[in-house]
Amino acid sequence: MTTTVWISPSATAFSCLCEPCLDRARDAGLLFSDALTAASVRGSLAVEADVTVVRCAADHEIVLRRVERPPGLPRHDDRQLQIA
């Protein structure tokens, strides 16, 4: 299982969680805070890199991909908030 993380076009640093490490921690019954610590991956990346592969401490592959931000929502429409 490969984790893919989408990165902002201007980002030069990242912080993410390795999904296989989270699964392993859950299966081992670790506390949530311990699972987050075990699965945490941080680092830096070149702003010109569109795709970068990094590895967590357990050597799982994490793919970092740059993505353009989606366009903003059109003007607010009151119907969006209605609950029927």
N, C-alpha and C. Protein backbone atom coordinates (compact mmCIF):
# COMPACT_ATOMS: atom_id res chain seq x y z
N MET A 1 0.85 -1.19 0.00
CA MET A 1 0.00 0.00 0.00
C MET A 1 0.89 1.24 0.00
N THR A 2 0.69 2.11 -0.96
CA THR A 2 1.45 3.35 -1.05
C THR A 2 0.57 4.51 -0.62
N THR A 3 1.09 5.35 0.22
CA THR A 3 0.39 6.56 0.64
C THR A 3 0.70 7.66 -0.35
N THR A 4 -0.32 8.38 -0.80
CA THR A 4 -0.14 9.54 -1.68
C THR A 4 -0.61 10.77 -0.94
N VAL A 5 0.22 11.81 -0.95
CA VAL A 5 -0.09 13.06 -0.28
C VAL A 5 -0.06 14.17 -1.32
N TRP A 6 -1.10 15.00 -1.33
CA TRP A 6 -1.19 16.10 -2.29
C TRP A 6 -0.64 17.35 -1.62
N ILE A 7 0.29 18.02 -2.31
CA ILE A 7 1.03 19.15 -1.77
C ILE A 7 0.69 20.42 -2.56
N SER A 8 0.62 21.52 -1.87
CA SER A 8 0.39 22.83 -2.49
C SER A 8 1.53 23.16 -3.46
N PRO A 9 1.24 23.90 -4.52
CA PRO A 9 2.27 24.26 -5.50
C PRO A 9 3.46 25.02 -4.91
N SER A 10 3.26 25.77 -3.85
CA SER A 10 4.34 26.57 -3.29
C SER A 10 4.99 25.96 -2.06
N ALA A 11 4.56 24.79 -1.64
CA ALA A 11 5.09 24.19 -0.41
C ALA A 11 6.55 23.79 -0.56
N THR A 12 7.31 24.01 0.49
CA THR A 12 8.71 23.56 0.53
C THR A 12 8.94 22.61 1.69
N ALA A 13 7.90 22.35 2.46
CA ALA A 13 7.98 21.41 3.58
C ALA A 13 6.66 20.64 3.64
N PHE A 14 6.71 19.46 4.25
CA PHE A 14 5.50 18.66 4.38
C PHE A 14 5.50 17.95 5.72
N SER A 15 4.33 17.57 6.14
CA SER A 15 4.11 16.76 7.34
C SER A 15 2.90 15.90 7.03
N CYS A 16 3.04 14.60 7.15
CA CYS A 16 1.94 13.70 6.82
C CYS A 16 2.02 12.45 7.69
N LEU A 17 1.06 11.57 7.50
CA LEU A 17 1.03 10.30 8.21
C LEU A 17 1.13 9.16 7.22
N CYS A 18 1.89 8.15 7.58
CA CYS A 18 2.02 6.95 6.77
C CYS A 18 0.85 6.02 7.09
N GLU A 19 0.03 5.75 6.09
CA GLU A 19 -1.16 4.93 6.32
C GLU A 19 -0.84 3.49 6.74
N PRO A 20 0.14 2.81 6.13
CA PRO A 20 0.47 1.46 6.61
C PRO A 20 0.94 1.46 8.07
N CYS A 21 1.67 2.48 8.47
CA CYS A 21 2.11 2.57 9.87
C CYS A 21 0.92 2.77 10.80
N LEU A 22 -0.05 3.58 10.38
CA LEU A 22 -1.26 3.76 11.18
C LEU A 22 -2.02 2.45 11.31
N ASP A 23 -2.14 1.70 10.21
CA ASP A 23 -2.82 0.41 10.25
C ASP A 23 -2.10 -0.56 11.19
N ARG A 24 -0.78 -0.58 11.12
CA ARG A 24 0.00 -1.48 11.98
C ARG A 24 -0.17 -1.11 13.45
N ALA A 25 -0.17 0.20 13.73
CA ALA A 25 -0.36 0.66 15.11
C ALA A 25 -1.74 0.29 15.63
N ARG A 26 -2.75 0.44 14.78
CA ARG A 26 -4.12 0.07 15.18
C ARG A 26 -4.20 -1.42 15.48
N ASP A 27 -3.60 -2.23 14.59
CA ASP A 27 -3.62 -3.69 14.79
C ASP A 27 -2.87 -4.10 16.06
N ALA A 28 -1.85 -3.32 16.43
CA ALA A 28 -1.07 -3.61 17.63
C ALA A 28 -1.74 -3.08 18.90
N GLY A 29 -2.82 -2.33 18.72
CA GLY A 29 -3.54 -1.79 19.88
C GLY A 29 -2.85 -0.61 20.55
N LEU A 30 -2.02 0.11 19.82
CA LEU A 30 -1.34 1.27 20.40
C LEU A 30 -2.33 2.39 20.69
N LEU A 31 -1.98 3.21 21.66
CA LEU A 31 -2.76 4.40 21.92
C LEU A 31 -2.71 5.31 20.69
N PHE A 32 -3.75 6.11 20.50
CA PHE A 32 -3.83 6.96 19.33
C PHE A 32 -2.62 7.89 19.23
N SER A 33 -2.23 8.48 20.35
CA SER A 33 -1.08 9.40 20.33
C SER A 33 0.21 8.68 19.94
N ASP A 34 0.37 7.44 20.39
CA ASP A 34 1.56 6.66 20.02
C ASP A 34 1.52 6.29 18.53
N ALA A 35 0.32 6.01 18.02
CA ALA A 35 0.16 5.69 16.60
C ALA A 35 0.54 6.89 15.74
N LEU A 36 0.11 8.08 16.15
CA LEU A 36 0.45 9.29 15.40
C LEU A 36 1.95 9.53 15.39
N THR A 37 2.59 9.33 16.51
CA THR A 37 4.04 9.50 16.60
C THR A 37 4.76 8.51 15.69
N ALA A 38 4.32 7.27 15.70
CA ALA A 38 4.97 6.23 14.90
C ALA A 38 4.77 6.46 13.40
N ALA A 39 3.65 7.06 13.02
CA ALA A 39 3.32 7.20 11.60
C ALA A 39 3.70 8.57 11.02
N SER A 40 4.18 9.48 11.84
CA SER A 40 4.48 10.83 11.39
C SER A 40 5.71 10.88 10.49
N VAL A 41 5.57 11.60 9.38
CA VAL A 41 6.67 11.78 8.43
C VAL A 41 6.74 13.27 8.09
N ARG A 42 7.93 13.83 8.21
CA ARG A 42 8.13 15.26 7.93
C ARG A 42 9.38 15.43 7.09
N GLY A 43 9.39 16.51 6.34
CA GLY A 43 10.59 16.78 5.56
C GLY A 43 10.43 18.01 4.70
N SER A 44 11.38 18.20 3.83
CA SER A 44 11.35 19.34 2.91
C SER A 44 11.39 18.81 1.49
N LEU A 45 11.00 19.66 0.55
CA LEU A 45 11.03 19.28 -0.85
C LEU A 45 11.29 20.50 -1.69
N ALA A 46 11.91 20.28 -2.83
CA ALA A 46 12.21 21.37 -3.75
C ALA A 46 10.92 21.89 -4.37
N VAL A 47 10.81 23.19 -4.47
CA VAL A 47 9.58 23.79 -5.00
C VAL A 47 9.36 23.42 -6.47
N GLU A 48 10.42 23.08 -7.21
CA GLU A 48 10.26 22.71 -8.62
C GLU A 48 9.89 21.24 -8.81
N ALA A 49 9.91 20.43 -7.76
CA ALA A 49 9.58 19.00 -7.89
C ALA A 49 8.06 18.81 -7.94
N ASP A 50 7.57 18.19 -9.00
CA ASP A 50 6.14 17.91 -9.12
C ASP A 50 5.74 16.63 -8.39
N VAL A 51 6.64 15.65 -8.39
CA VAL A 51 6.41 14.38 -7.71
C VAL A 51 7.70 14.00 -6.98
N THR A 52 7.57 13.62 -5.73
CA THR A 52 8.70 13.19 -4.93
C THR A 52 8.29 11.95 -4.15
N VAL A 53 9.21 11.02 -4.01
CA VAL A 53 8.95 9.82 -3.21
C VAL A 53 9.82 9.90 -1.96
N VAL A 54 9.19 9.73 -0.79
CA VAL A 54 9.91 9.68 0.48
C VAL A 54 9.54 8.37 1.17
N ARG A 55 10.25 8.04 2.22
CA ARG A 55 9.97 6.82 2.97
C ARG A 55 9.83 7.15 4.45
N CYS A 56 8.93 6.46 5.11
CA CYS A 56 8.75 6.63 6.54
C CYS A 56 9.86 5.86 7.27
N ALA A 57 9.86 5.92 8.58
CA ALA A 57 10.88 5.23 9.38
C ALA A 57 10.82 3.71 9.18
N ALA A 58 9.64 3.19 8.83
CA ALA A 58 9.49 1.75 8.59
C ALA A 58 9.73 1.38 7.13
N ASP A 59 10.17 2.33 6.33
CA ASP A 59 10.53 2.15 4.93
C ASP A 59 9.33 1.98 4.00
N HIS A 60 8.15 2.47 4.39
CA HIS A 60 7.00 2.48 3.48
C HIS A 60 7.13 3.67 2.54
N GLU A 61 6.72 3.48 1.30
CA GLU A 61 6.80 4.53 0.29
C GLU A 61 5.65 5.52 0.44
N ILE A 62 5.98 6.81 0.37
CA ILE A 62 5.00 7.88 0.39
C ILE A 62 5.27 8.75 -0.83
N VAL A 63 4.26 8.93 -1.67
CA VAL A 63 4.39 9.73 -2.88
C VAL A 63 3.80 11.11 -2.60
N LEU A 64 4.62 12.14 -2.81
CA LEU A 64 4.17 13.52 -2.66
C LEU A 64 3.93 14.08 -4.05
N ARG A 65 2.73 14.58 -4.30
CA ARG A 65 2.38 15.13 -5.62
C ARG A 65 1.86 16.54 -5.44
N ARG A 66 2.35 17.42 -6.28
CA ARG A 66 1.85 18.80 -6.27
C ARG A 66 0.54 18.86 -7.03
N VAL A 67 -0.35 19.70 -6.56
CA VAL A 67 -1.63 19.88 -7.22
C VAL A 67 -2.01 21.36 -7.12
N GLU A 68 -2.53 21.88 -8.20
CA GLU A 68 -3.02 23.26 -8.18
C GLU A 68 -4.24 23.33 -7.27
N ARG A 69 -4.39 24.46 -6.65
CA ARG A 69 -5.57 24.65 -5.79
C ARG A 69 -6.82 24.72 -6.67
N PRO A 70 -7.91 24.15 -6.20
CA PRO A 70 -9.14 24.23 -6.98
C PRO A 70 -9.64 25.67 -7.00
N PRO A 71 -10.38 26.02 -8.03
CA PRO A 71 -10.92 27.39 -8.08
C PRO A 71 -11.87 27.60 -6.91
N GLY A 72 -12.01 28.84 -6.50
CA GLY A 72 -12.93 29.16 -5.40
C GLY A 72 -14.37 28.85 -5.78
N LEU A 73 -15.18 28.72 -4.78
CA LEU A 73 -16.60 28.49 -5.03
C LEU A 73 -17.21 29.73 -5.65
N PRO A 74 -18.22 29.54 -6.49
CA PRO A 74 -18.92 30.72 -7.01
C PRO A 74 -19.57 31.49 -5.86
N ARG A 75 -20.07 32.61 -6.17
CA ARG A 75 -20.71 33.44 -5.15
C ARG A 75 -21.64 32.63 -4.26
N HIS A 76 -21.69 32.98 -2.99
CA HIS A 76 -22.52 32.25 -2.02
C HIS A 76 -23.97 32.18 -2.47
N ASP A 77 -24.57 31.04 -2.29
CA ASP A 77 -25.97 30.83 -2.64
C ASP A 77 -26.66 30.32 -1.37
N ASP A 78 -27.66 31.04 -0.89
CA ASP A 78 -28.35 30.66 0.35
C ASP A 78 -28.93 29.26 0.31
N ARG A 79 -29.22 28.75 -0.88
CA ARG A 79 -29.78 27.40 -0.99
C ARG A 79 -28.78 26.33 -0.56
N GLN A 80 -27.49 26.65 -0.58
CA GLN A 80 -26.49 25.67 -0.18
C GLN A 80 -26.63 25.26 1.27
N LEU A 81 -27.16 26.12 2.09
CA LEU A 81 -27.24 25.85 3.52
C LEU A 81 -28.59 25.34 3.98
N GLN A 82 -29.52 25.17 3.10
CA GLN A 82 -30.85 24.73 3.48
C GLN A 82 -30.84 23.25 3.81
N ILE A 83 -31.55 22.90 4.87
CA ILE A 83 -31.74 21.50 5.24
C ILE A 83 -33.19 21.17 5.04
N ALA A 84 -33.46 20.18 4.22
CA ALA A 84 -34.84 19.85 3.90
C ALA A 84 -35.40 18.86 4.90
